[in-house]
N, C-alpha and C. Protein backbone atom coordinates (compact mmCIF):
# COMPACT_ATOMS: atom_id res chain seq x y z
N MET A 1 -39.10 -94.41 -35.49
CA MET A 1 -40.07 -94.86 -36.46
C MET A 1 -41.32 -93.99 -36.34
N GLN A 2 -41.87 -93.65 -37.45
CA GLN A 2 -43.06 -92.82 -37.46
C GLN A 2 -44.28 -93.62 -37.03
N SER A 3 -45.19 -92.96 -36.34
CA SER A 3 -46.33 -93.66 -35.76
C SER A 3 -47.36 -94.12 -36.79
N HIS A 4 -47.32 -93.59 -38.00
CA HIS A 4 -48.32 -93.99 -39.00
C HIS A 4 -48.00 -95.35 -39.63
N LEU A 5 -46.83 -95.91 -39.35
CA LEU A 5 -46.47 -97.23 -39.86
C LEU A 5 -46.23 -98.19 -38.71
N SER A 6 -46.75 -99.40 -38.87
CA SER A 6 -46.44 -100.42 -37.87
C SER A 6 -45.00 -100.88 -38.09
N LYS A 7 -44.43 -101.55 -37.09
CA LYS A 7 -43.06 -102.04 -37.22
C LYS A 7 -42.95 -102.99 -38.41
N LYS A 8 -43.95 -103.86 -38.58
CA LYS A 8 -43.93 -104.81 -39.70
C LYS A 8 -43.99 -104.08 -41.04
N ALA A 9 -44.85 -103.08 -41.14
CA ALA A 9 -44.95 -102.31 -42.39
C ALA A 9 -43.64 -101.58 -42.68
N THR A 10 -43.02 -101.06 -41.66
CA THR A 10 -41.74 -100.37 -41.83
C THR A 10 -40.69 -101.32 -42.40
N ILE A 11 -40.64 -102.52 -41.87
CA ILE A 11 -39.68 -103.52 -42.36
C ILE A 11 -40.01 -103.92 -43.79
N ASN A 12 -41.29 -104.18 -44.06
CA ASN A 12 -41.70 -104.61 -45.40
C ASN A 12 -41.48 -103.54 -46.46
N LEU A 13 -41.68 -102.30 -46.10
CA LEU A 13 -41.53 -101.20 -47.05
C LEU A 13 -40.09 -100.70 -47.15
N GLY A 14 -39.25 -101.13 -46.23
CA GLY A 14 -37.87 -100.66 -46.22
C GLY A 14 -37.76 -99.22 -45.77
N SER A 15 -38.75 -98.75 -45.02
CA SER A 15 -38.76 -97.37 -44.56
C SER A 15 -37.87 -97.20 -43.35
N PHE A 16 -37.17 -96.09 -43.31
CA PHE A 16 -36.36 -95.76 -42.14
C PHE A 16 -36.49 -94.28 -41.88
N TYR A 17 -36.77 -93.94 -40.66
CA TYR A 17 -36.88 -92.55 -40.26
C TYR A 17 -35.85 -92.27 -39.19
N THR A 18 -35.06 -91.23 -39.40
CA THR A 18 -34.03 -90.87 -38.44
C THR A 18 -34.70 -90.39 -37.16
N PRO A 19 -34.36 -90.99 -36.02
CA PRO A 19 -34.94 -90.54 -34.76
C PRO A 19 -34.60 -89.07 -34.50
N LYS A 20 -35.53 -88.35 -33.90
CA LYS A 20 -35.34 -86.91 -33.68
C LYS A 20 -34.10 -86.62 -32.84
N PHE A 21 -33.75 -87.50 -31.90
CA PHE A 21 -32.57 -87.22 -31.09
C PHE A 21 -31.30 -87.30 -31.94
N ILE A 22 -31.30 -88.12 -32.99
CA ILE A 22 -30.15 -88.20 -33.90
C ILE A 22 -30.07 -86.91 -34.73
N VAL A 23 -31.21 -86.42 -35.19
CA VAL A 23 -31.25 -85.15 -35.92
C VAL A 23 -30.67 -84.04 -35.04
N GLU A 24 -31.07 -84.01 -33.79
CA GLU A 24 -30.58 -82.99 -32.84
C GLU A 24 -29.06 -83.11 -32.67
N ILE A 25 -28.56 -84.31 -32.51
CA ILE A 25 -27.11 -84.52 -32.35
C ILE A 25 -26.38 -84.04 -33.61
N ALA A 26 -26.89 -84.39 -34.78
CA ALA A 26 -26.25 -83.99 -36.04
C ALA A 26 -26.16 -82.47 -36.14
N TYR A 27 -27.24 -81.78 -35.81
CA TYR A 27 -27.22 -80.32 -35.89
C TYR A 27 -26.31 -79.70 -34.84
N LYS A 28 -26.25 -80.26 -33.67
CA LYS A 28 -25.34 -79.74 -32.64
C LYS A 28 -23.88 -79.90 -33.08
N MET A 29 -23.57 -81.02 -33.72
CA MET A 29 -22.21 -81.24 -34.21
C MET A 29 -21.87 -80.27 -35.34
N LEU A 30 -22.80 -80.09 -36.27
CA LEU A 30 -22.58 -79.15 -37.37
C LEU A 30 -22.44 -77.72 -36.88
N GLU A 31 -23.25 -77.37 -35.90
CA GLU A 31 -23.27 -76.02 -35.36
C GLU A 31 -21.90 -75.61 -34.80
N LYS A 32 -21.16 -76.56 -34.28
CA LYS A 32 -19.84 -76.27 -33.71
C LYS A 32 -18.84 -75.86 -34.78
N HIS A 33 -19.05 -76.30 -36.02
CA HIS A 33 -18.06 -76.11 -37.08
C HIS A 33 -18.51 -75.19 -38.21
N THR A 34 -19.79 -74.83 -38.24
CA THR A 34 -20.29 -74.01 -39.34
C THR A 34 -21.32 -73.02 -38.84
N ASN A 35 -21.63 -72.06 -39.69
CA ASN A 35 -22.77 -71.18 -39.45
C ASN A 35 -23.91 -71.74 -40.29
N LEU A 36 -24.80 -72.47 -39.68
CA LEU A 36 -25.84 -73.20 -40.40
C LEU A 36 -26.75 -72.27 -41.20
N GLY A 37 -26.89 -71.03 -40.78
CA GLY A 37 -27.73 -70.08 -41.50
C GLY A 37 -27.20 -69.73 -42.88
N GLU A 38 -25.94 -70.04 -43.15
CA GLU A 38 -25.33 -69.72 -44.44
C GLU A 38 -25.47 -70.85 -45.46
N PHE A 39 -26.08 -71.95 -45.09
CA PHE A 39 -26.16 -73.11 -45.97
C PHE A 39 -27.59 -73.40 -46.38
N LEU A 40 -27.71 -73.97 -47.57
CA LEU A 40 -29.00 -74.42 -48.08
C LEU A 40 -29.08 -75.93 -47.88
N LEU A 41 -30.13 -76.39 -47.26
CA LEU A 41 -30.31 -77.82 -47.02
C LEU A 41 -30.99 -78.48 -48.21
N PHE A 42 -30.41 -79.58 -48.67
CA PHE A 42 -31.04 -80.39 -49.71
C PHE A 42 -31.11 -81.82 -49.19
N ASP A 43 -32.31 -82.27 -48.91
CA ASP A 43 -32.52 -83.64 -48.44
C ASP A 43 -33.47 -84.30 -49.43
N ASN A 44 -32.90 -84.91 -50.46
CA ASN A 44 -33.74 -85.45 -51.53
C ASN A 44 -34.64 -86.60 -51.08
N ALA A 45 -34.32 -87.26 -50.01
CA ALA A 45 -35.15 -88.34 -49.50
C ALA A 45 -36.19 -87.83 -48.51
N CYS A 46 -35.97 -86.72 -47.95
CA CYS A 46 -36.80 -85.98 -46.99
C CYS A 46 -37.53 -86.81 -45.93
N GLY A 47 -38.08 -87.95 -46.27
CA GLY A 47 -38.78 -88.75 -45.26
C GLY A 47 -39.92 -87.97 -44.65
N CYS A 48 -39.93 -87.87 -43.34
CA CYS A 48 -41.00 -87.12 -42.68
C CYS A 48 -40.58 -85.67 -42.44
N GLY A 49 -39.38 -85.29 -42.90
CA GLY A 49 -38.98 -83.89 -42.86
C GLY A 49 -38.29 -83.43 -41.60
N ASP A 50 -37.84 -84.32 -40.73
CA ASP A 50 -37.22 -83.89 -39.47
C ASP A 50 -35.97 -83.04 -39.70
N PHE A 51 -35.10 -83.43 -40.65
CA PHE A 51 -33.91 -82.62 -40.92
C PHE A 51 -34.32 -81.27 -41.51
N PHE A 52 -35.30 -81.27 -42.39
CA PHE A 52 -35.78 -80.05 -43.01
C PHE A 52 -36.36 -79.09 -41.97
N ILE A 53 -37.21 -79.60 -41.11
CA ILE A 53 -37.83 -78.78 -40.07
C ILE A 53 -36.78 -78.22 -39.12
N LYS A 54 -35.84 -79.04 -38.73
CA LYS A 54 -34.76 -78.58 -37.85
C LYS A 54 -33.98 -77.45 -38.52
N ASN A 55 -33.71 -77.58 -39.82
CA ASN A 55 -32.97 -76.57 -40.55
C ASN A 55 -33.73 -75.24 -40.58
N ILE A 56 -35.03 -75.30 -40.76
CA ILE A 56 -35.85 -74.08 -40.78
C ILE A 56 -35.72 -73.35 -39.44
N ARG A 57 -35.67 -74.07 -38.36
CA ARG A 57 -35.55 -73.45 -37.04
C ARG A 57 -34.21 -72.76 -36.83
N TYR A 58 -33.18 -73.18 -37.56
CA TYR A 58 -31.87 -72.56 -37.45
C TYR A 58 -31.77 -71.28 -38.28
N CYS A 59 -32.64 -71.12 -39.25
CA CYS A 59 -32.56 -69.95 -40.15
C CYS A 59 -33.23 -68.74 -39.56
């Protein structure tokens, strides 16, 4: 959960942010099967951008 929202606000707003360790696991799993530098990331919900930022680091 992002620090700018309280737990109550997160629940009330229906906000969900993928924990950074989950983003890391997802990229490690993808890395085993693909060349991530060859793909374009589209995250239409983007949230706080953790998947987007991680993707930039792979390029």
